[in-house]
Amino acid sequence: MKEIERGGIMEKAKILNRLIKEQGYNLRSFASKCNMPYTTLYGIIRNGAGKASVDNVISICRHLGITVEELNNMAEGITSDKTSPSHDDLKTLIARNGKEMSTEDKMELIKMLSEL
């Protein structure tokens, strides 16, 4: 199968893989964070996001702090006009993911906030 570079299923998988690594995870640890079998996440990254279930793609995006629409835009090369998240965006992200954060992650967040 020929890989489609712009907006294709492999492009989305490459973006997901890059974002996972940028957030300091490997595939196994990120799969655990998403409560997803490692083999499922590995298959998505290897074979393309287009072959994945919608629920799995939504879960991955949610745990990365992006929407599926933002993933599609990245794959299409559309840049966001948002330069940084708003205060409300950050509050929503923390509220949505706070319960899943480890104590270490929470302490790191508190430290970063105290340095502002």
C-alpha atoms as a PDB file:
ATOM      1  CA  MET A   1       0.000   0.000   0.000  1.00  0.00           C
ATOM      2  CA  LYS A   2       1.383   3.377  -0.959  1.00  0.00           C
ATOM      3  CA  GLU A   3       1.609   5.848   1.886  1.00  0.00           C
ATOM      4  CA  ILE A   4      -0.412   9.021   1.421  1.00  0.00           C
ATOM      5  CA  GLU A   5       1.612  11.963   2.721  1.00  0.00           C
ATOM      6  CA  ARG A   6      -0.822  14.885   2.907  1.00  0.00           C
ATOM      7  CA  GLY A   7      -3.935  14.314   4.986  1.00  0.00           C
ATOM      8  CA  GLY A   8      -3.737  10.553   4.602  1.00  0.00           C
ATOM      9  CA  ILE A   9      -4.100   7.892   7.199  1.00  0.00           C
ATOM     10  CA  MET A  10      -0.351   7.443   7.576  1.00  0.00           C
ATOM     11  CA  GLU A  11       0.174  11.178   8.033  1.00  0.00           C
ATOM     12  CA  LYS A  12      -2.220  11.194  10.998  1.00  0.00           C
ATOM     13  CA  ALA A  13      -0.431   8.216  12.523  1.00  0.00           C
ATOM     14  CA  LYS A  14       2.923   9.995  12.151  1.00  0.00           C
ATOM     15  CA  ILE A  15       1.486  13.088  13.828  1.00  0.00           C
ATOM     16  CA  LEU A  16       0.080  11.026  16.702  1.00  0.00           C
ATOM     17  CA  ASN A  17       3.413   9.257  17.140  1.00  0.00           C
ATOM     18  CA  ARG A  18       5.264  12.592  17.174  1.00  0.00           C
ATOM     19  CA  LEU A  19       2.862  14.135  19.709  1.00  0.00           C
ATOM     20  CA  ILE A  20       3.108  11.090  21.965  1.00  0.00           C
ATOM     21  CA  LYS A  21       6.913  11.342  21.950  1.00  0.00           C
ATOM     22  CA  GLU A  22       6.836  15.131  22.435  1.00  0.00           C
ATOM     23  CA  GLN A  23       4.819  14.600  25.605  1.00  0.00           C
ATOM     24  CA  GLY A  24       7.498  12.261  26.922  1.00  0.00           C
ATOM     25  CA  TYR A  25       5.748   8.945  26.417  1.00  0.00           C
ATOM     26  CA  ASN A  26       6.680   5.819  24.571  1.00  0.00           C
ATOM     27  CA  LEU A  27       3.899   3.829  22.920  1.00  0.00           C
ATOM     28  CA  ARG A  28       3.605   1.357  25.785  1.00  0.00           C
ATOM     29  CA  SER A  29       3.272   4.014  28.503  1.00  0.00           C
ATOM     30  CA  PHE A  30       0.865   6.108  26.435  1.00  0.00           C
ATOM     31  CA  ALA A  31      -1.298   3.066  25.689  1.00  0.00           C
ATOM     32  CA  SER A  32      -1.478   2.451  29.420  1.00  0.00           C
ATOM     33  CA  LYS A  33      -2.498   6.076  30.011  1.00  0.00           C
ATOM     34  CA  CYS A  34      -5.313   5.625  27.470  1.00  0.00           C
ATOM     35  CA  ASN A  35      -6.386   2.278  28.984  1.00  0.00           C
ATOM     36  CA  MET A  36      -5.760   0.782  25.569  1.00  0.00           C
ATOM     37  CA  PRO A  37      -3.840  -2.387  24.731  1.00  0.00           C
ATOM     38  CA  TYR A  38      -0.318  -1.610  23.533  1.00  0.00           C
ATOM     39  CA  THR A  39      -0.924  -3.726  20.437  1.00  0.00           C
ATOM     40  CA  THR A  40      -3.916  -1.560  19.501  1.00  0.00           C
ATOM     41  CA  LEU A  41      -1.923   1.672  19.731  1.00  0.00           C
ATOM     42  CA  TYR A  42       1.043   0.098  17.946  1.00  0.00           C
ATOM     43  CA  GLY A  43      -1.266  -1.058  15.139  1.00  0.00           C
ATOM     44  CA  ILE A  44      -2.720   2.432  14.758  1.00  0.00           C
ATOM     45  CA  ILE A  45       0.739   4.005  14.543  1.00  0.00           C
ATOM     46  CA  ARG A  46       2.062   1.315  12.194  1.00  0.00           C
ATOM     47  CA  ASN A  47      -0.971   0.873   9.918  1.00  0.00           C
ATOM     48  CA  GLY A  48      -2.530   4.318  10.020  1.00  0.00           C
ATOM     49  CA  ALA A  49      -5.200   6.088  12.018  1.00  0.00           C
ATOM     50  CA  GLY A  50      -7.782   5.614   9.275  1.00  0.00           C
ATOM     51  CA  LYS A  51      -8.042   1.933  10.098  1.00  0.00           C
ATOM     52  CA  ALA A  52      -8.635   2.583  13.800  1.00  0.00           C
ATOM     53  CA  SER A  53     -11.979   2.714  15.550  1.00  0.00           C
ATOM     54  CA  VAL A  54     -13.384   6.188  16.071  1.00  0.00           C
ATOM     55  CA  ASP A  55     -13.433   5.602  19.837  1.00  0.00           C
ATOM     56  CA  ASN A  56      -9.710   4.796  19.868  1.00  0.00           C
ATOM     57  CA  VAL A  57      -8.787   7.883  17.832  1.00  0.00           C
ATOM     58  CA  ILE A  58     -10.930  10.088  20.083  1.00  0.00           C
ATOM     59  CA  SER A  59      -9.303   8.591  23.184  1.00  0.00           C
ATOM     60  CA  ILE A  60      -5.788   9.117  21.828  1.00  0.00           C
ATOM     61  CA  CYS A  61      -6.535  12.698  20.832  1.00  0.00           C
ATOM     62  CA  ARG A  62      -8.191  13.452  24.173  1.00  0.00           C
ATOM     63  CA  HIS A  63      -5.175  12.144  26.079  1.00  0.00           C
ATOM     64  CA  LEU A  64      -2.905  14.253  23.868  1.00  0.00           C
ATOM     65  CA  GLY A  65      -5.001  17.337  24.604  1.00  0.00           C
ATOM     66  CA  ILE A  66      -6.137  17.832  21.019  1.00  0.00           C
ATOM     67  CA  THR A  67      -9.385  17.322  19.154  1.00  0.00           C
ATOM     68  CA  VAL A  68      -9.873  15.000  16.212  1.00  0.00           C
ATOM     69  CA  GLU A  69     -10.502  18.112  14.129  1.00  0.00           C
ATOM     70  CA  GLU A  70      -7.110  19.504  15.155  1.00  0.00           C
ATOM     71  CA  LEU A  71      -5.495  16.199  14.152  1.00  0.00           C
ATOM     72  CA  ASN A  72      -7.183  16.417  10.754  1.00  0.00           C
ATOM     73  CA  ASN A  73      -6.020  20.017  10.347  1.00  0.00           C
ATOM     74  CA  MET A  74      -2.430  19.053  11.205  1.00  0.00           C
ATOM     75  CA  ALA A  75      -2.564  16.245   8.640  1.00  0.00           C
ATOM     76  CA  GLU A  76      -3.874  18.670   6.020  1.00  0.00           C
ATOM     77  CA  GLY A  77      -1.151  21.190   6.847  1.00  0.00           C
ATOM     78  CA  ILE A  78      -3.645  23.732   8.127  1.00  0.00           C
ATOM     79  CA  THR A  79      -2.072  25.826  10.834  1.00  0.00           C
ATOM     80  CA  SER A  80      -4.108  26.916  13.782  1.00  0.00           C
ATOM     81  CA  ASP A  81      -4.598  30.614  14.306  1.00  0.00           C
ATOM     82  CA  LYS A  82      -4.347  30.009  18.030  1.00  0.00           C
ATOM     83  CA  THR A  83      -0.819  30.757  19.161  1.00  0.00           C
ATOM     84  CA  SER A  84      -1.323  29.457  22.677  1.00  0.00           C
ATOM     85  CA  PRO A  85      -4.134  27.976  24.702  1.00  0.00           C
ATOM     86  CA  SER A  86      -6.378  30.347  26.598  1.00  0.00           C
ATOM     87  CA  HIS A  87      -6.847  30.263  30.346  1.00  0.00           C
ATOM     88  CA  ASP A  88     -10.190  28.514  29.819  1.00  0.00           C
ATOM     89  CA  ASP A  89      -8.553  25.965  27.497  1.00  0.00           C
ATOM     90  CA  LEU A  90      -6.018  25.110  30.197  1.00  0.00           C
ATOM     91  CA  LYS A  91      -8.694  24.825  32.882  1.00  0.00           C
ATOM     92  CA  THR A  92     -10.737  22.524  30.661  1.00  0.00           C
ATOM     93  CA  LEU A  93      -7.708  20.369  29.851  1.00  0.00           C
ATOM     94  CA  ILE A  94      -6.775  20.001  33.523  1.00  0.00           C
ATOM     95  CA  ALA A  95     -10.375  19.310  34.552  1.00  0.00           C
ATOM     96  CA  ARG A  96     -10.719  16.696  31.817  1.00  0.00           C
ATOM     97  CA  ASN A  97      -7.426  14.925  32.518  1.00  0.00           C
ATOM     98  CA  GLY A  98      -6.675  15.767  36.158  1.00  0.00           C
ATOM     99  CA  LYS A  99      -8.005  12.538  37.615  1.00  0.00           C
ATOM    100  CA  GLU A 100      -5.770  10.547  35.307  1.00  0.00           C
ATOM    101  CA  MET A 101      -2.626  12.485  36.229  1.00  0.00           C
ATOM    102  CA  SER A 102      -0.086  10.782  38.442  1.00  0.00           C
ATOM    103  CA  THR A 103       0.959  12.423  41.690  1.00  0.00           C
ATOM    104  CA  GLU A 104       4.286  13.231  40.044  1.00  0.00           C
ATOM    105  CA  ASP A 105       2.540  14.966  37.122  1.00  0.00           C
ATOM    106  CA  LYS A 106       0.327  16.936  39.509  1.00  0.00           C
ATOM    107  CA  MET A 107       3.347  18.079  41.517  1.00  0.00           C
ATOM    108  CA  GLU A 108       5.130  19.121  38.318  1.00  0.00           C
ATOM    109  CA  LEU A 109       2.066  21.124  37.272  1.00  0.00           C
ATOM    110  CA  ILE A 110       1.873  22.818  40.683  1.00  0.00           C
ATOM    111  CA  LYS A 111       5.570  23.684  40.457  1.00  0.00           C
ATOM    112  CA  MET A 112       5.160  25.177  36.969  1.00  0.00           C
ATOM    113  CA  LEU A 113       2.161  27.233  38.088  1.00  0.00           C
ATOM    114  CA  SER A 114       3.974  28.527  41.159  1.00  0.00           C
ATOM    115  CA  GLU A 115       6.809  29.807  38.951  1.00  0.00           C
ATOM    116  CA  LEU A 116       4.486  32.025  36.895  1.00  0.00           C
END
